[in-house]
C-alpha atoms as a PDB file:
ATOM      1  CA  MET A   1     -27.526 -15.477 -32.320  1.00  0.00           C
ATOM      2  CA  GLY A   2     -25.493 -13.938 -29.427  1.00  0.00           C
ATOM      3  CA  LEU A   3     -27.601 -12.016 -26.425  1.00  0.00           C
ATOM      4  CA  SER A   4     -29.605  -9.579 -27.617  1.00  0.00           C
ATOM      5  CA  ASN A   5     -29.662  -5.880 -26.213  1.00  0.00           C
ATOM      6  CA  ARG A   6     -32.447  -7.169 -23.783  1.00  0.00           C
ATOM      7  CA  ASN A   7     -30.729  -9.896 -22.337  1.00  0.00           C
ATOM      8  CA  ILE A   8     -27.970  -7.588 -22.033  1.00  0.00           C
ATOM      9  CA  LYS A   9     -30.139  -5.072 -20.053  1.00  0.00           C
ATOM     10  CA  THR A  10     -31.776  -8.436 -17.959  1.00  0.00           C
ATOM     11  CA  LEU A  11     -27.905  -9.518 -17.100  1.00  0.00           C
ATOM     12  CA  GLY A  12     -27.729  -5.481 -16.010  1.00  0.00           C
ATOM     13  CA  ASN A  13     -30.596  -5.764 -13.991  1.00  0.00           C
ATOM     14  CA  GLN A  14     -28.815  -8.929 -12.001  1.00  0.00           C
ATOM     15  CA  ILE A  15     -26.171  -7.018 -11.734  1.00  0.00           C
ATOM     16  CA  ASN A  16     -27.283  -4.426 -10.034  1.00  0.00           C
ATOM     17  CA  ASP A  17     -30.212  -6.320  -7.638  1.00  0.00           C
ATOM     18  CA  ILE A  18     -26.338  -8.072  -6.464  1.00  0.00           C
ATOM     19  CA  ILE A  19     -25.110  -4.944  -5.869  1.00  0.00           C
ATOM     20  CA  LEU A  20     -28.086  -4.119  -3.885  1.00  0.00           C
ATOM     21  CA  ARG A  21     -28.007  -7.207  -1.673  1.00  0.00           C
ATOM     22  CA  LEU A  22     -23.836  -6.778  -1.320  1.00  0.00           C
ATOM     23  CA  GLU A  23     -24.605  -3.353  -0.356  1.00  0.00           C
ATOM     24  CA  LEU A  24     -27.206  -4.520   2.618  1.00  0.00           C
ATOM     25  CA  MET A  25     -24.180  -7.058   3.784  1.00  0.00           C
ATOM     26  CA  GLN A  26     -21.964  -4.887   3.794  1.00  0.00           C
ATOM     27  CA  LEU A  27     -24.154  -2.295   6.140  1.00  0.00           C
ATOM     28  CA  VAL A  28     -26.016  -5.181   8.807  1.00  0.00           C
ATOM     29  CA  SER A  29     -21.365  -6.332   8.912  1.00  0.00           C
ATOM     30  CA  ASP A  30     -21.107  -2.570   9.985  1.00  0.00           C
ATOM     31  CA  ALA A  31     -23.654  -2.725  12.475  1.00  0.00           C
ATOM     32  CA  LEU A  32     -22.035  -5.508  14.013  1.00  0.00           C
ATOM     33  CA  ILE A  33     -18.857  -4.003  13.578  1.00  0.00           C
ATOM     34  CA  LEU A  34     -20.447  -0.783  15.704  1.00  0.00           C
ATOM     35  CA  ALA A  35     -22.234  -2.814  18.626  1.00  0.00           C
ATOM     36  CA  GLU A  36     -19.390  -4.910  18.989  1.00  0.00           C
ATOM     37  CA  ASN A  37     -16.999  -2.212  19.832  1.00  0.00           C
ATOM     38  CA  SER A  38     -19.870  -0.193  21.591  1.00  0.00           C
ATOM     39  CA  GLY A  39     -19.855  -2.738  24.317  1.00  0.00           C
ATOM     40  CA  ALA A  40     -23.349  -4.460  23.591  1.00  0.00           C
ATOM     41  CA  ASP A  41     -24.485  -7.423  25.397  1.00  0.00           C
ATOM     42  CA  SER A  42     -21.687  -9.595  25.136  1.00  0.00           C
ATOM     43  CA  GLN A  43     -23.929 -12.701  25.157  1.00  0.00           C
ATOM     44  CA  ALA A  44     -26.429 -11.725  22.812  1.00  0.00           C
ATOM     45  CA  LEU A  45     -24.164 -10.009  20.168  1.00  0.00           C
ATOM     46  CA  LYS A  46     -21.901 -12.804  20.293  1.00  0.00           C
ATOM     47  CA  GLN A  47     -25.508 -14.780  19.451  1.00  0.00           C
ATOM     48  CA  ASN A  48     -26.673 -12.063  17.193  1.00  0.00           C
ATOM     49  CA  MET A  49     -23.194 -12.164  15.213  1.00  0.00           C
ATOM     50  CA  SER A  50     -22.956 -15.748  14.772  1.00  0.00           C
ATOM     51  CA  ASP A  51     -26.443 -16.130  12.961  1.00  0.00           C
ATOM     52  CA  THR A  52     -25.922 -13.048  11.235  1.00  0.00           C
ATOM     53  CA  LEU A  53     -22.401 -14.335   9.824  1.00  0.00           C
ATOM     54  CA  CYS A  54     -23.635 -17.478   9.027  1.00  0.00           C
ATOM     55  CA  THR A  55     -26.720 -16.189   6.256  1.00  0.00           C
ATOM     56  CA  ILE A  56     -24.529 -13.222   4.751  1.00  0.00           C
ATOM     57  CA  SER A  57     -21.522 -16.205   4.240  1.00  0.00           C
ATOM     58  CA  ASP A  58     -24.816 -18.541   2.283  1.00  0.00           C
ATOM     59  CA  GLN A  59     -25.625 -15.177   0.528  1.00  0.00           C
ATOM     60  CA  ALA A  60     -22.078 -14.268  -0.517  1.00  0.00           C
ATOM     61  CA  LYS A  61     -22.101 -17.723  -1.735  1.00  0.00           C
ATOM     62  CA  GLN A  62     -25.162 -17.450  -3.442  1.00  0.00           C
ATOM     63  CA  LEU A  63     -23.866 -14.015  -5.068  1.00  0.00           C
ATOM     64  CA  GLN A  64     -20.684 -15.592  -5.898  1.00  0.00           C
ATOM     65  CA  LYS A  65     -22.139 -18.397  -7.673  1.00  0.00           C
ATOM     66  CA  GLU A  66     -25.463 -15.650  -9.242  1.00  0.00           C
ATOM     67  CA  LEU A  67     -21.711 -13.486 -11.125  1.00  0.00           C
ATOM     68  CA  ASP A  68     -19.789 -16.388 -11.995  1.00  0.00           C
ATOM     69  CA  ILE A  69     -23.803 -17.424 -14.690  1.00  0.00           C
ATOM     70  CA  ILE A  70     -23.232 -14.000 -15.457  1.00  0.00           C
ATOM     71  CA  ALA A  71     -19.722 -13.244 -16.103  1.00  0.00           C
ATOM     72  CA  CYS A  72     -19.642 -16.943 -18.016  1.00  0.00           C
ATOM     73  CA  LYS A  73     -23.106 -15.016 -20.231  1.00  0.00           C
ATOM     74  CA  LEU A  74     -21.086 -12.632 -21.311  1.00  0.00           C
ATOM     75  CA  THR A  75     -17.680 -13.725 -21.706  1.00  0.00           C
ATOM     76  CA  ASN A  76     -19.324 -15.608 -24.710  1.00  0.00           C
ATOM     77  CA  CYS A  77     -22.503 -13.770 -26.023  1.00  0.00           C
ATOM     78  CA  ASP A  78     -21.316 -14.330 -29.303  1.00  0.00           C
ATOM     79  CA  ASN A  79     -20.970 -18.077 -28.758  1.00  0.00           C
ATOM     80  CA  ASP A  80     -24.316 -19.822 -29.282  1.00  0.00           C
ATOM     81  CA  GLU A  81     -22.728 -22.919 -28.378  1.00  0.00           C
ATOM     82  CA  GLU A  82     -21.481 -21.948 -25.256  1.00  0.00           C
ATOM     83  CA  LEU A  83     -24.907 -19.721 -23.808  1.00  0.00           C
ATOM     84  CA  GLU A  84     -27.454 -23.211 -24.766  1.00  0.00           C
ATOM     85  CA  ALA A  85     -24.839 -24.896 -22.157  1.00  0.00           C
ATOM     86  CA  ILE A  86     -24.983 -21.842 -20.070  1.00  0.00           C
ATOM     87  CA  ARG A  87     -28.831 -22.533 -20.191  1.00  0.00           C
ATOM     88  CA  LYS A  88     -28.970 -25.645 -19.783  1.00  0.00           C
ATOM     89  CA  TYR A  89     -26.747 -25.432 -16.806  1.00  0.00           C
ATOM     90  CA  CYS A  90     -28.782 -23.051 -15.204  1.00  0.00           C
ATOM     91  CA  GLU A  91     -31.879 -25.147 -15.479  1.00  0.00           C
END
């Protein structure tokens, strides 16, 4: 049976959500770089950068997993056995 139009639209919405999260991560990264270049309090900035970079790294790993699942579903959109295996893997 493969993926329905509804399933494909859902995957498109998931990709859109991921893009928005990536844009937010980029904005936060840019703000930290700007703060560092402006001569902000070094000690406070280092702690904030460390915490933020850990969060960005965790988010990047999560987004990579989500994109991998979406790519697998789209690549196997006409293979019911693979789609079922992906569904079971995601549970």
